[in-house]
Amino acid sequence: MSCDDANTVPPSAWPSAINLHAQARTLELVWDGRHAVLSHRVLRRSCRCSVCENARRKTDDTLPVAADVALLTIEPLGSTALRLVFSDGHERGIYPWTYLKQMAFGPTTGEFSDSLTKGWRDE
């Protein structure tokens, strides 16, 4: 396998549709005909940037995020991820397709998928 092969995300990992619903404060993603709707607040609270991960480690809890936080911008990062910019000024969040898909369709505990409570607790 070459370096180029290692950095290639298969097209099946990409959603076939991405819809930002500003009024409902949701992001809709479609994979293989399956629709997933993620709230802007859940997306913001699930950011895995170093600043957010450090804050979660310090408090051993989810990030405090205002209920009215809104997703302002969605920027593709090559073929592997989205960069999300939020109304609270946070613009460091990088969300790989695999992470978004896991959030959308993984097992849930309350409001969050189980994957969102991992990371800072099991390292």
PDB file of N, CA and C in Angstrom:
ATOM      1  N   MET A   1       0.841  -1.170   0.000  1.00  0.00           N
ATOM      2  CA  MET A   1       0.000   0.000   0.000  1.00  0.00           C
ATOM      3  C   MET A   1       0.893   1.241   0.000  1.00  0.00           C
ATOM      4  N   SER A   2       0.608   2.179  -0.850  1.00  0.00           N
ATOM      5  CA  SER A   2       1.392   3.416  -0.921  1.00  0.00           C
ATOM      6  C   SER A   2       0.870   4.421   0.099  1.00  0.00           C
ATOM      7  N   CYS A   3       1.614   5.511   0.307  1.00  0.00           N
ATOM      8  CA  CYS A   3       1.165   6.574   1.205  1.00  0.00           C
ATOM      9  C   CYS A   3      -0.150   7.164   0.735  1.00  0.00           C
ATOM     10  N   ASP A   4      -0.304   7.312  -0.577  1.00  0.00           N
ATOM     11  CA  ASP A   4      -1.541   7.865  -1.108  1.00  0.00           C
ATOM     12  C   ASP A   4      -2.723   6.978  -0.763  1.00  0.00           C
ATOM     13  N   ASP A   5      -2.548   5.649  -0.834  1.00  0.00           N
ATOM     14  CA  ASP A   5      -3.624   4.724  -0.506  1.00  0.00           C
ATOM     15  C   ASP A   5      -4.015   4.836   0.962  1.00  0.00           C
ATOM     16  N   ALA A   6      -3.049   5.051   1.834  1.00  0.00           N
ATOM     17  CA  ALA A   6      -3.314   5.124   3.269  1.00  0.00           C
ATOM     18  C   ALA A   6      -4.136   6.357   3.623  1.00  0.00           C
ATOM     19  N   ASN A   7      -4.029   7.427   2.837  1.00  0.00           N
ATOM     20  CA  ASN A   7      -4.740   8.665   3.137  1.00  0.00           C
ATOM     21  C   ASN A   7      -6.045   8.814   2.366  1.00  0.00           C
ATOM     22  N   THR A   8      -6.440   7.799   1.639  1.00  0.00           N
ATOM     23  CA  THR A   8      -7.648   7.878   0.839  1.00  0.00           C
ATOM     24  C   THR A   8      -8.829   7.319   1.623  1.00  0.00           C
ATOM     25  N   VAL A   9      -9.880   8.076   1.685  1.00  0.00           N
ATOM     26  CA  VAL A   9     -11.102   7.620   2.329  1.00  0.00           C
ATOM     27  C   VAL A   9     -12.019   7.106   1.237  1.00  0.00           C
ATOM     28  N   PRO A  10     -12.520   5.878   1.365  1.00  0.00           N
ATOM     29  CA  PRO A  10     -13.393   5.370   0.316  1.00  0.00           C
ATOM     30  C   PRO A  10     -14.659   6.212   0.212  1.00  0.00           C
ATOM     31  N   PRO A  11     -15.172   6.405  -1.015  1.00  0.00           N
ATOM     32  CA  PRO A  11     -16.370   7.227  -1.191  1.00  0.00           C
ATOM     33  C   PRO A  11     -17.549   6.771  -0.345  1.00  0.00           C
ATOM     34  N   SER A  12     -17.638   5.498   0.016  1.00  0.00           N
ATOM     35  CA  SER A  12     -18.751   5.031   0.846  1.00  0.00           C
ATOM     36  C   SER A  12     -18.712   5.644   2.241  1.00  0.00           C
ATOM     37  N   ALA A  13     -17.553   6.169   2.650  1.00  0.00           N
ATOM     38  CA  ALA A  13     -17.446   6.817   3.954  1.00  0.00           C
ATOM     39  C   ALA A  13     -18.056   8.214   3.934  1.00  0.00           C
ATOM     40  N   TRP A  14     -18.181   8.806   2.749  1.00  0.00           N
ATOM     41  CA  TRP A  14     -18.751  10.150   2.624  1.00  0.00           C
ATOM     42  C   TRP A  14     -20.268  10.068   2.636  1.00  0.00           C
ATOM     43  N   PRO A  15     -20.933  11.043   3.240  1.00  0.00           N
ATOM     44  CA  PRO A  15     -22.395  11.071   3.126  1.00  0.00           C
ATOM     45  C   PRO A  15     -22.791  11.474   1.711  1.00  0.00           C
ATOM     46  N   SER A  16     -23.935  10.987   1.269  1.00  0.00           N
ATOM     47  CA  SER A  16     -24.424  11.357  -0.069  1.00  0.00           C
ATOM     48  C   SER A  16     -25.104  12.715  -0.044  1.00  0.00           C
ATOM     49  N   ALA A  17     -25.478  13.188   1.144  1.00  0.00           N
ATOM     50  CA  ALA A  17     -26.108  14.501   1.271  1.00  0.00           C
ATOM     51  C   ALA A  17     -25.763  15.109   2.625  1.00  0.00           C
ATOM     52  N   ILE A  18     -25.591  16.423   2.632  1.00  0.00           N
ATOM     53  CA  ILE A  18     -25.348  17.192   3.851  1.00  0.00           C
ATOM     54  C   ILE A  18     -26.264  18.399   3.778  1.00  0.00           C
ATOM     55  N   ASN A  19     -27.162  18.518   4.761  1.00  0.00           N
ATOM     56  CA  ASN A  19     -28.107  19.630   4.769  1.00  0.00           C
ATOM     57  C   ASN A  19     -28.058  20.344   6.110  1.00  0.00           C
ATOM     58  N   LEU A  20     -27.781  21.635   6.069  1.00  0.00           N
ATOM     59  CA  LEU A  20     -27.771  22.458   7.269  1.00  0.00           C
ATOM     60  C   LEU A  20     -29.164  23.067   7.422  1.00  0.00           C
ATOM     61  N   HIS A  21     -29.812  22.773   8.532  1.00  0.00           N
ATOM     62  CA  HIS A  21     -31.141  23.325   8.827  1.00  0.00           C
ATOM     63  C   HIS A  21     -30.958  24.363   9.934  1.00  0.00           C
ATOM     64  N   ALA A  22     -30.750  25.611   9.526  1.00  0.00           N
ATOM     65  CA  ALA A  22     -30.401  26.680  10.466  1.00  0.00           C
ATOM     66  C   ALA A  22     -31.508  26.936  11.486  1.00  0.00           C
ATOM     67  N   GLN A  23     -32.749  26.992  11.049  1.00  0.00           N
ATOM     68  CA  GLN A  23     -33.842  27.309  11.965  1.00  0.00           C
ATOM     69  C   GLN A  23     -34.034  26.208  13.012  1.00  0.00           C
ATOM     70  N   ALA A  24     -33.926  24.956  12.595  1.00  0.00           N
ATOM     71  CA  ALA A  24     -34.077  23.831  13.520  1.00  0.00           C
ATOM     72  C   ALA A  24     -32.786  23.552  14.291  1.00  0.00           C
ATOM     73  N   ARG A  25     -31.700  24.203  13.884  1.00  0.00           N
ATOM     74  CA  ARG A  25     -30.375  24.004  14.477  1.00  0.00           C
ATOM     75  C   ARG A  25     -29.974  22.533  14.439  1.00  0.00           C
ATOM     76  N   THR A  26     -30.061  21.984  13.237  1.00  0.00           N
ATOM     77  CA  THR A  26     -29.656  20.597  13.032  1.00  0.00           C
ATOM     78  C   THR A  26     -28.836  20.478  11.755  1.00  0.00           C
ATOM     79  N   LEU A  27     -28.047  19.426  11.709  1.00  0.00           N
ATOM     80  CA  LEU A  27     -27.299  19.051  10.522  1.00  0.00           C
ATOM     81  C   LEU A  27     -27.784  17.669  10.121  1.00  0.00           C
ATOM     82  N   GLU A  28     -28.270  17.566   8.889  1.00  0.00           N
ATOM     83  CA  GLU A  28     -28.761  16.287   8.380  1.00  0.00           C
ATOM     84  C   GLU A  28     -27.699  15.683   7.473  1.00  0.00           C
ATOM     85  N   LEU A  29     -27.401  14.415   7.699  1.00  0.00           N
ATOM     86  CA  LEU A  29     -26.436  13.676   6.897  1.00  0.00           C
ATOM     87  C   LEU A  29     -27.109  12.406   6.401  1.00  0.00           C
ATOM     88  N   VAL A  30     -26.800  12.022   5.158  1.00  0.00           N
ATOM     89  CA  VAL A  30     -27.398  10.820   4.581  1.00  0.00           C
ATOM     90  C   VAL A  30     -26.296   9.889   4.108  1.00  0.00           C
ATOM     91  N   TRP A  31     -26.285   8.674   4.632  1.00  0.00           N
ATOM     92  CA  TRP A  31     -25.364   7.621   4.205  1.00  0.00           C
ATOM     93  C   TRP A  31     -26.195   6.432   3.758  1.00  0.00           C
ATOM     94  N   ASP A  32     -25.952   5.965   2.545  1.00  0.00           N
ATOM     95  CA  ASP A  32     -26.625   4.765   2.038  1.00  0.00           C
ATOM     96  C   ASP A  32     -28.137   4.825   2.246  1.00  0.00           C
ATOM     97  N   GLY A  33     -28.725   5.987   2.021  1.00  0.00           N
ATOM     98  CA  GLY A  33     -30.165   6.157   2.156  1.00  0.00           C
ATOM     99  C   GLY A  33     -30.653   6.307   3.585  1.00  0.00           C
ATOM    100  N   ARG A  34     -29.763   6.232   4.555  1.00  0.00           N
ATOM    101  CA  ARG A  34     -30.132   6.389   5.970  1.00  0.00           C
ATOM    102  C   ARG A  34     -29.893   7.838   6.386  1.00  0.00           C
ATOM    103  N   HIS A  35     -30.931   8.470   6.904  1.00  0.00           N
ATOM    104  CA  HIS A  35     -30.854   9.871   7.329  1.00  0.00           C
ATOM    105  C   HIS A  35     -30.505   9.945   8.807  1.00  0.00           C
ATOM    106  N   ALA A  36     -29.623  10.859   9.137  1.00  0.00           N
ATOM    107  CA  ALA A  36     -29.275  11.134  10.529  1.00  0.00           C
ATOM    108  C   ALA A  36     -29.376  12.637  10.742  1.00  0.00           C
ATOM    109  N   VAL A  37     -29.913  13.031  11.865  1.00  0.00           N
ATOM    110  CA  VAL A  37     -30.042  14.444  12.199  1.00  0.00           C
ATOM    111  C   VAL A  37     -29.320  14.671  13.520  1.00  0.00           C
ATOM    112  N   LEU A  38     -28.329  15.556  13.497  1.00  0.00           N
ATOM    113  CA  LEU A  38     -27.536  15.876  14.680  1.00  0.00           C
ATOM    114  C   LEU A  38     -27.754  17.336  15.041  1.00  0.00           C
ATOM    115  N   SER A  39     -28.040  17.598  16.304  1.00  0.00           N
ATOM    116  CA  SER A  39     -28.255  18.984  16.721  1.00  0.00           C
ATOM    117  C   SER A  39     -26.932  19.732  16.738  1.00  0.00           C
ATOM    118  N   HIS A  40     -27.015  21.027  16.528  1.00  0.00           N
ATOM    119  CA  HIS A  40     -25.815  21.862  16.569  1.00  0.00           C
ATOM    120  C   HIS A  40     -25.164  21.771  17.943  1.00  0.00           C
ATOM    121  N   ARG A  41     -25.967  21.718  18.988  1.00  0.00           N
ATOM    122  CA  ARG A  41     -25.435  21.649  20.348  1.00  0.00           C
ATOM    123  C   ARG A  41     -24.654  20.354  20.573  1.00  0.00           C
ATOM    124  N   VAL A  42     -25.203  19.235  20.124  1.00  0.00           N
ATOM    125  CA  VAL A  42     -24.500  17.962  20.273  1.00  0.00           C
ATOM    126  C   VAL A  42     -23.205  17.978  19.475  1.00  0.00           C
ATOM    127  N   LEU A  43     -23.243  18.517  18.270  1.00  0.00           N
ATOM    128  CA  LEU A  43     -22.022  18.615  17.471  1.00  0.00           C
ATOM    129  C   LEU A  43     -20.969  19.451  18.186  1.00  0.00           C
ATOM    130  N   ARG A  44     -21.384  20.580  18.732  1.00  0.00           N
ATOM    131  CA  ARG A  44     -20.430  21.459  19.425  1.00  0.00           C
ATOM    132  C   ARG A  44     -19.863  20.781  20.663  1.00  0.00           C
ATOM    133  N   ARG A  45     -20.720  20.109  21.428  1.00  0.00           N
ATOM    134  CA  ARG A  45     -20.278  19.446  22.648  1.00  0.00           C
ATOM    135  C   ARG A  45     -19.377  18.248  22.360  1.00  0.00           C
ATOM    136  N   SER A  46     -19.442  17.726  21.138  1.00  0.00           N
ATOM    137  CA  SER A  46     -18.662  16.536  20.796  1.00  0.00           C
ATOM    138  C   SER A  46     -17.366  16.866  20.070  1.00  0.00           C
ATOM    139  N   CYS A  47     -16.993  18.133  20.029  1.00  0.00           N
ATOM    140  CA  CYS A  47     -15.750  18.532  19.369  1.00  0.00           C
ATOM    141  C   CYS A  47     -14.573  17.809  20.000  1.00  0.00           C
ATOM    142  N   ARG A  48     -13.655  17.345  19.150  1.00  0.00           N
ATOM    143  CA  ARG A  48     -12.493  16.604  19.633  1.00  0.00           C
ATOM    144  C   ARG A  48     -11.191  17.382  19.469  1.00  0.00           C
ATOM    145  N   CYS A  49     -11.278  18.707  19.314  1.00  0.00           N
ATOM    146  CA  CYS A  49     -10.029  19.475  19.223  1.00  0.00           C
ATOM    147  C   CYS A  49      -9.314  19.417  20.569  1.00  0.00           C
ATOM    148  N   SER A  50      -8.058  19.789  20.595  1.00  0.00           N
ATOM    149  CA  SER A  50      -7.259  19.684  21.818  1.00  0.00           C
ATOM    150  C   SER A  50      -7.796  20.566  22.939  1.00  0.00           C
ATOM    151  N   VAL A  51      -8.333  21.727  22.610  1.00  0.00           N
ATOM    152  CA  VAL A  51      -8.876  22.629  23.635  1.00  0.00           C
ATOM    153  C   VAL A  51     -10.089  21.978  24.311  1.00  0.00           C
ATOM    154  N   CYS A  52     -10.994  21.414  23.507  1.00  0.00           N
ATOM    155  CA  CYS A  52     -12.199  20.789  24.059  1.00  0.00           C
ATOM    156  C   CYS A  52     -11.863  19.505  24.814  1.00  0.00           C
ATOM    157  N   GLU A  53     -10.957  18.704  24.275  1.00  0.00           N
ATOM    158  CA  GLU A  53     -10.552  17.475  24.970  1.00  0.00           C
ATOM    159  C   GLU A  53      -9.923  17.817  26.316  1.00  0.00           C
ATOM    160  N   ASN A  54      -9.092  18.838  26.361  1.00  0.00           N
ATOM    161  CA  ASN A  54      -8.456  19.244  27.610  1.00  0.00           C
ATOM    162  C   ASN A  54      -9.507  19.710  28.621  1.00  0.00           C
ATOM    163  N   ALA A  55     -10.493  20.461  28.174  1.00  0.00           N
ATOM    164  CA  ALA A  55     -11.556  20.923  29.071  1.00  0.00           C
ATOM    165  C   ALA A  55     -12.341  19.745  29.632  1.00  0.00           C
ATOM    166  N   ARG A  56     -12.623  18.741  28.803  1.00  0.00           N
ATOM    167  CA  ARG A  56     -13.342  17.560  29.290  1.00  0.00           C
ATOM    168  C   ARG A  56     -12.510  16.770  30.298  1.00  0.00           C
ATOM    169  N   ARG A  57     -11.228  16.669  30.053  1.00  0.00           N
ATOM    170  CA  ARG A  57     -10.350  15.946  30.993  1.00  0.00           C
ATOM    171  C   ARG A  57     -10.331  16.629  32.362  1.00  0.00           C
ATOM    172  N   LYS A  58     -10.309  17.958  32.341  1.00  0.00           N
ATOM    173  CA  LYS A  58     -10.259  18.701  33.603  1.00  0.00           C
ATOM    174  C   LYS A  58     -11.538  18.541  34.414  1.00  0.00           C
ATOM    175  N   THR A  59     -12.677  18.480  33.747  1.00  0.00           N
ATOM    176  CA  THR A  59     -13.953  18.406  34.461  1.00  0.00           C
ATOM    177  C   THR A  59     -14.527  16.997  34.504  1.00  0.00           C
ATOM    178  N   ASP A  60     -13.977  16.072  33.695  1.00  0.00           N
ATOM    179  CA  ASP A  60     -14.494  14.714  33.560  1.00  0.00           C
ATOM    180  C   ASP A  60     -15.992  14.745  33.232  1.00  0.00           C
ATOM    181  N   ASP A  61     -16.363  15.666  32.353  1.00  0.00           N
ATOM    182  CA  ASP A  61     -17.768  15.819  31.992  1.00  0.00           C
ATOM    183  C   ASP A  61     -17.863  16.366  30.570  1.00  0.00           C
ATOM    184  N   THR A  62     -19.082  16.447  30.057  1.00  0.00           N
ATOM    185  CA  THR A  62     -19.296  17.037  28.738  1.00  0.00           C
ATOM    186  C   THR A  62     -19.095  18.543  28.819  1.00  0.00           C
ATOM    187  N   LEU A  63     -18.849  19.145  27.675  1.00  0.00           N
ATOM    188  CA  LEU A  63     -18.621  20.587  27.630  1.00  0.00           C
ATOM    189  C   LEU A  63     -19.914  21.348  27.884  1.00  0.00           C
ATOM    190  N   PRO A  64     -19.835  22.427  28.666  1.00  0.00           N
ATOM    191  CA  PRO A  64     -21.014  23.270  28.822  1.00  0.00           C
ATOM    192  C   PRO A  64     -21.180  24.118  27.557  1.00  0.00           C
ATOM    193  N   VAL A  65     -22.291  23.933  26.872  1.00  0.00           N
ATOM    194  CA  VAL A  65     -22.557  24.650  25.626  1.00  0.00           C
ATOM    195  C   VAL A  65     -23.970  25.219  25.708  1.00  0.00           C
ATOM    196  N   ALA A  66     -24.121  26.476  25.325  1.00  0.00           N
ATOM    197  CA  ALA A  66     -25.434  27.120  25.357  1.00  0.00           C
ATOM    198  C   ALA A  66     -26.426  26.381  24.455  1.00  0.00           C
ATOM    199  N   ALA A  67     -27.657  26.324  24.889  1.00  0.00           N
ATOM    200  CA  ALA A  67     -28.704  25.621  24.130  1.00  0.00           C
ATOM    201  C   ALA A  67     -28.931  26.247  22.763  1.00  0.00           C
ATOM    202  N   ASP A  68     -28.637  27.546  22.634  1.00  0.00           N
ATOM    203  CA  ASP A  68     -28.907  28.225  21.364  1.00  0.00           C
ATOM    204  C   ASP A  68     -27.695  28.310  20.439  1.00  0.00           C
ATOM    205  N   VAL A  69     -26.630  27.543  20.730  1.00  0.00           N
ATOM    206  CA  VAL A  69     -25.461  27.566  19.854  1.00  0.00           C
ATOM    207  C   VAL A  69     -25.885  27.136  18.442  1.00  0.00           C
ATOM    208  N   ALA A  70     -25.308  27.781  17.455  1.00  0.00           N
ATOM    209  CA  ALA A  70     -25.672  27.483  16.065  1.00  0.00           C
ATOM    210  C   ALA A  70     -24.430  27.177  15.243  1.00  0.00           C
ATOM    211  N   LEU A  71     -24.605  26.311  14.301  1.00  0.00           N
ATOM    212  CA  LEU A  71     -23.561  25.977  13.344  1.00  0.00           C
ATOM    213  C   LEU A  71     -23.629  27.021  12.236  1.00  0.00           C
ATOM    214  N   LEU A  72     -22.544  27.752  12.036  1.00  0.00           N
ATOM    215  CA  LEU A  72     -22.537  28.846  11.063  1.00  0.00           C
ATOM    216  C   LEU A  72     -21.971  28.439   9.709  1.00  0.00           C
ATOM    217  N   THR A  73     -20.906  27.631   9.739  1.00  0.00           N
ATOM    218  CA  THR A  73     -20.205  27.292   8.514  1.00  0.00           C
ATOM    219  C   THR A  73     -19.801  25.830   8.522  1.00  0.00           C
ATOM    220  N   ILE A  74     -19.906  25.209   7.357  1.00  0.00           N
ATOM    221  CA  ILE A  74     -19.425  23.845   7.141  1.00  0.00           C
ATOM    222  C   ILE A  74     -18.394  23.928   6.029  1.00  0.00           C
ATOM    223  N   GLU A  75     -17.166  23.496   6.318  1.00  0.00           N
ATOM    224  CA  GLU A  75     -16.103  23.530   5.315  1.00  0.00           C
ATOM    225  C   GLU A  75     -15.533  22.132   5.127  1.00  0.00           C
ATOM    226  N   PRO A  76     -15.513  21.622   3.899  1.00  0.00           N
ATOM    227  CA  PRO A  76     -14.881  20.316   3.686  1.00  0.00           C
ATOM    228  C   PRO A  76     -13.371  20.420   3.873  1.00  0.00           C
ATOM    229  N   LEU A  77     -12.797  19.389   4.457  1.00  0.00           N
ATOM    230  CA  LEU A  77     -11.344  19.292   4.599  1.00  0.00           C
ATOM    231  C   LEU A  77     -10.896  18.127   3.737  1.00  0.00           C
ATOM    232  N   GLY A  78     -10.531  18.434   2.532  1.00  0.00           N
ATOM    233  CA  GLY A  78     -10.169  17.381   1.589  1.00  0.00           C
ATOM    234  C   GLY A  78     -11.311  16.407   1.428  1.00  0.00           C
ATOM    235  N   SER A  79     -10.979  15.140   1.395  1.00  0.00           N
ATOM    236  CA  SER A  79     -12.009  14.117   1.240  1.00  0.00           C
ATOM    237  C   SER A  79     -12.267  13.366   2.536  1.00  0.00           C
ATOM    238  N   THR A  80     -11.725  13.867   3.657  1.00  0.00           N
ATOM    239  CA  THR A  80     -11.778  13.084   4.887  1.00  0.00           C
ATOM    240  C   THR A  80     -12.657  13.620   6.000  1.00  0.00           C
ATOM    241  N   ALA A  81     -12.998  14.918   5.971  1.00  0.00           N
ATOM    242  CA  ALA A  81     -13.667  15.482   7.144  1.00  0.00           C
ATOM    243  C   ALA A  81     -14.362  16.798   6.819  1.00  0.00           C
ATOM    244  N   LEU A  82     -15.081  17.297   7.825  1.00  0.00           N
ATOM    245  CA  LEU A  82     -15.665  18.633   7.789  1.00  0.00           C
ATOM    246  C   LEU A  82     -15.076  19.449   8.921  1.00  0.00           C
ATOM    247  N   ARG A  83     -14.917  20.723   8.670  1.00  0.00           N
ATOM    248  CA  ARG A  83     -14.565  21.684   9.720  1.00  0.00           C
ATOM    249  C   ARG A  83     -15.819  22.477   9.999  1.00  0.00           C
ATOM    250  N   LEU A  84     -16.232  22.499  11.263  1.00  0.00           N
ATOM    251  CA  LEU A  84     -17.465  23.181  11.645  1.00  0.00           C
ATOM    252  C   LEU A  84     -17.141  24.431  12.454  1.00  0.00           C
ATOM    253  N   VAL A  85     -17.831  25.525  12.131  1.00  0.00           N
ATOM    254  CA  VAL A  85     -17.654  26.801  12.827  1.00  0.00           C
ATOM    255  C   VAL A  85     -18.973  27.135  13.516  1.00  0.00           C
ATOM    256  N   PHE A  86     -18.886  27.460  14.817  1.00  0.00           N
ATOM    257  CA  PHE A  86     -20.074  27.671  15.628  1.00  0.00           C
ATOM    258  C   PHE A  86     -20.237  29.125  16.068  1.00  0.00           C
ATOM    259  N   SER A  87     -21.453  29.473  16.446  1.00  0.00           N
ATOM    260  CA  SER A  87     -21.785  30.844  16.827  1.00  0.00           C
ATOM    261  C   SER A  87     -21.116  31.297  18.120  1.00  0.00           C
ATOM    262  N   ASP A  88     -20.604  30.367  18.930  1.00  0.00           N
ATOM    263  CA  ASP A  88     -19.912  30.753  20.163  1.00  0.00           C
ATOM    264  C   ASP A  88     -18.446  31.104  19.907  1.00  0.00           C
ATOM    265  N   GLY A  89     -18.058  31.180  18.624  1.00  0.00           N
ATOM    266  CA  GLY A  89     -16.696  31.548  18.256  1.00  0.00           C
ATOM    267  C   GLY A  89     -15.774  30.359  18.067  1.00  0.00           C
ATOM    268  N   HIS A  90     -16.239  29.169  18.379  1.00  0.00           N
ATOM    269  CA  HIS A  90     -15.386  27.979  18.242  1.00  0.00           C
ATOM    270  C   HIS A  90     -15.300  27.583  16.769  1.00  0.00           C
ATOM    271  N   GLU A  91     -14.071  27.508  16.271  1.00  0.00           N
ATOM    272  CA  GLU A  91     -13.879  27.168  14.851  1.00  0.00           C
ATOM    273  C   GLU A  91     -12.743  26.187  14.643  1.00  0.00           C
ATOM    274  N   ARG A  92     -12.420  25.428  15.673  1.00  0.00           N
ATOM    275  CA  ARG A  92     -11.310  24.476  15.589  1.00  0.00           C
ATOM    276  C   ARG A  92     -11.778  23.046  15.380  1.00  0.00           C
ATOM    277  N   GLY A  93     -13.081  22.808  15.362  1.00  0.00           N
ATOM    278  CA  GLY A  93     -13.601  21.449  15.304  1.00  0.00           C
ATOM    279  C   GLY A  93     -13.438  20.791  13.948  1.00  0.00           C
ATOM    280  N   ILE A  94     -12.760  19.652  13.929  1.00  0.00           N
ATOM    281  CA  ILE A  94     -12.619  18.846  12.719  1.00  0.00           C
ATOM    282  C   ILE A  94     -13.346  17.537  12.976  1.00  0.00           C
ATOM    283  N   TYR A  95     -14.287  17.226  12.108  1.00  0.00           N
ATOM    284  CA  TYR A  95     -15.155  16.065  12.277  1.00  0.00           C
ATOM    285  C   TYR A  95     -14.953  15.116  11.102  1.00  0.00           C
ATOM    286  N   PRO A  96     -14.131  14.065  11.285  1.00  0.00           N
ATOM    287  CA  PRO A  96     -13.929  13.091  10.206  1.00  0.00           C
ATOM    288  C   PRO A  96     -15.247  12.387   9.870  1.00  0.00           C
ATOM    289  N   TRP A  97     -15.351  11.936   8.610  1.00  0.00           N
ATOM    290  CA  TRP A  97     -16.577  11.233   8.183  1.00  0.00           C
ATOM    291  C   TRP A  97     -16.882  10.063   9.105  1.00  0.00           C
ATOM    292  N   THR A  98     -15.855   9.305   9.486  1.00  0.00           N
ATOM    293  CA  THR A  98     -16.096   8.133  10.332  1.00  0.00           C
ATOM    294  C   THR A  98     -16.647   8.534  11.696  1.00  0.00           C
ATOM    295  N   TYR A  99     -16.185   9.643  12.243  1.00  0.00           N
ATOM    296  CA  TYR A  99     -16.682  10.122  13.533  1.00  0.00           C
ATOM    297  C   TYR A  99     -18.134  10.579  13.407  1.00  0.00           C
ATOM    298  N   LEU A 100     -18.444  11.324  12.354  1.00  0.00           N
ATOM    299  CA  LEU A 100     -19.824  11.773  12.145  1.00  0.00           C
ATOM    300  C   LEU A 100     -20.769  10.587  11.956  1.00  0.00           C
ATOM    301  N   LYS A 101     -20.313   9.588  11.217  1.00  0.00           N
ATOM    302  CA  LYS A 101     -21.145   8.413  10.994  1.00  0.00           C
ATOM    303  C   LYS A 101     -21.364   7.651  12.300  1.00  0.00           C
ATOM    304  N   GLN A 102     -20.324   7.569  13.111  1.00  0.00           N
ATOM    305  CA  GLN A 102     -20.449   6.921  14.408  1.00  0.00           C
ATOM    306  C   GLN A 102     -21.416   7.697  15.301  1.00  0.00           C
ATOM    307  N   MET A 103     -21.328   9.023  15.274  1.00  0.00           N
ATOM    308  CA  MET A 103     -22.260   9.847  16.044  1.00  0.00           C
ATOM    309  C   MET A 103     -23.689   9.622  15.574  1.00  0.00           C
ATOM    310  N   ALA A 104     -23.853   9.533  14.269  1.00  0.00           N
ATOM    311  CA  ALA A 104     -25.183   9.423  13.692  1.00  0.00           C
ATOM    312  C   ALA A 104     -25.847   8.077  13.950  1.00  0.00           C
ATOM    313  N   PHE A 105     -25.079   6.999  13.865  1.00  0.00           N
ATOM    314  CA  PHE A 105     -25.689   5.675  13.888  1.00  0.00           C
ATOM    315  C   PHE A 105     -25.187   4.758  14.998  1.00  0.00           C
ATOM    316  N   GLY A 106     -24.279   5.255  15.836  1.00  0.00           N
ATOM    317  CA  GLY A 106     -23.763   4.419  16.915  1.00  0.00           C
ATOM    318  C   GLY A 106     -24.765   4.294  18.048  1.00  0.00           C
ATOM    319  N   PRO A 107     -24.495   3.401  19.004  1.00  0.00           N
ATOM    320  CA  PRO A 107     -25.389   3.257  20.154  1.00  0.00           C
ATOM    321  C   PRO A 107     -25.450   4.559  20.944  1.00  0.00           C
ATOM    322  N   THR A 108     -26.581   4.845  21.542  1.00  0.00           N
ATOM    323  CA  THR A 108     -26.755   6.108  22.267  1.00  0.00           C
ATOM    324  C   THR A 108     -27.010   5.874  23.753  1.00  0.00           C
ATOM    325  N   THR A 109     -26.587   6.849  24.523  1.00  0.00           N
ATOM    326  CA  THR A 109     -26.870   6.903  25.950  1.00  0.00           C
ATOM    327  C   THR A 109     -27.425   8.291  26.200  1.00  0.00           C
ATOM    328  N   GLY A 110     -28.702   8.388  26.419  1.00  0.00           N
ATOM    329  CA  GLY A 110     -29.314   9.699  26.594  1.00  0.00           C
ATOM    330  C   GLY A 110     -29.223  10.487  25.301  1.00  0.00           C
ATOM    331  N   GLU A 111     -28.729  11.701  25.379  1.00  0.00           N
ATOM    332  CA  GLU A 111     -28.659  12.608  24.233  1.00  0.00           C
ATOM    333  C   GLU A 111     -27.443  12.338  23.346  1.00  0.00           C
ATOM    334  N   PHE A 112     -26.427  11.642  23.872  1.00  0.00           N
ATOM    335  CA  PHE A 112     -25.181  11.459  23.151  1.00  0.00           C
ATOM    336  C   PHE A 112     -24.978  10.018  22.724  1.00  0.00           C
ATOM    337  N   SER A 113     -24.277   9.841  21.606  1.00  0.00           N
ATOM    338  CA  SER A 113     -23.864   8.492  21.252  1.00  0.00           C
ATOM    339  C   SER A 113     -22.751   8.092  22.211  1.00  0.00           C
ATOM    340  N   ASP A 114     -22.616   6.802  22.449  1.00  0.00           N
ATOM    341  CA  ASP A 114     -21.604   6.321  23.391  1.00  0.00           C
ATOM    342  C   ASP A 114     -20.209   6.794  23.020  1.00  0.00           C
ATOM    343  N   SER A 115     -19.943   6.961  21.731  1.00  0.00           N
ATOM    344  CA  SER A 115     -18.608   7.381  21.300  1.00  0.00           C
ATOM    345  C   SER A 115     -18.246   8.767  21.817  1.00  0.00           C
ATOM    346  N   LEU A 116     -19.226   9.592  22.120  1.00  0.00           N
ATOM    347  CA  LEU A 116     -18.933  10.956  22.562  1.00  0.00           C
ATOM    348  C   LEU A 116     -18.458  11.019  23.994  1.00  0.00           C
ATOM    349  N   THR A 117     -18.715   9.968  24.766  1.00  0.00           N
ATOM    350  CA  THR A 117     -18.253   9.975  26.144  1.00  0.00           C
ATOM    351  C   THR A 117     -16.932   9.237  26.281  1.00  0.00           C
ATOM    352  N   LYS A 118     -16.399   8.747  25.174  1.00  0.00           N
ATOM    353  CA  LYS A 118     -15.099   8.078  25.188  1.00  0.00           C
ATOM    354  C   LYS A 118     -14.016   9.110  24.915  1.00  0.00           C
ATOM    355  N   GLY A 119     -12.802   8.661  24.901  1.00  0.00           N
ATOM    356  CA  GLY A 119     -11.702   9.570  24.576  1.00  0.00           C
ATOM    357  C   GLY A 119     -11.046  10.084  25.830  1.00  0.00           C
ATOM    358  N   TRP A 120     -11.604  11.110  26.425  1.00  0.00           N
ATOM    359  CA  TRP A 120     -10.942  11.716  27.569  1.00  0.00           C
ATOM    360  C   TRP A 120     -11.033  10.829  28.804  1.00  0.00           C
ATOM    361  N   ARG A 121     -11.938   9.870  28.855  1.00  0.00           N
ATOM    362  CA  ARG A 121     -12.079   9.025  30.039  1.00  0.00           C
ATOM    363  C   ARG A 121     -11.291   7.723  29.951  1.00  0.00           C
ATOM    364  N   ASP A 122     -11.074   7.215  28.750  1.00  0.00           N
ATOM    365  CA  ASP A 122     -10.456   5.902  28.654  1.00  0.00           C
ATOM    366  C   ASP A 122      -9.056   5.934  28.079  1.00  0.00           C
ATOM    367  N   GLU A 123      -8.379   7.026  28.215  1.00  0.00           N
ATOM    368  CA  GLU A 123      -6.991   7.120  27.753  1.00  0.00           C
ATOM    369  C   GLU A 123      -6.042   6.892  28.908  1.00  0.00           C
TER     370      GLU A 123
END
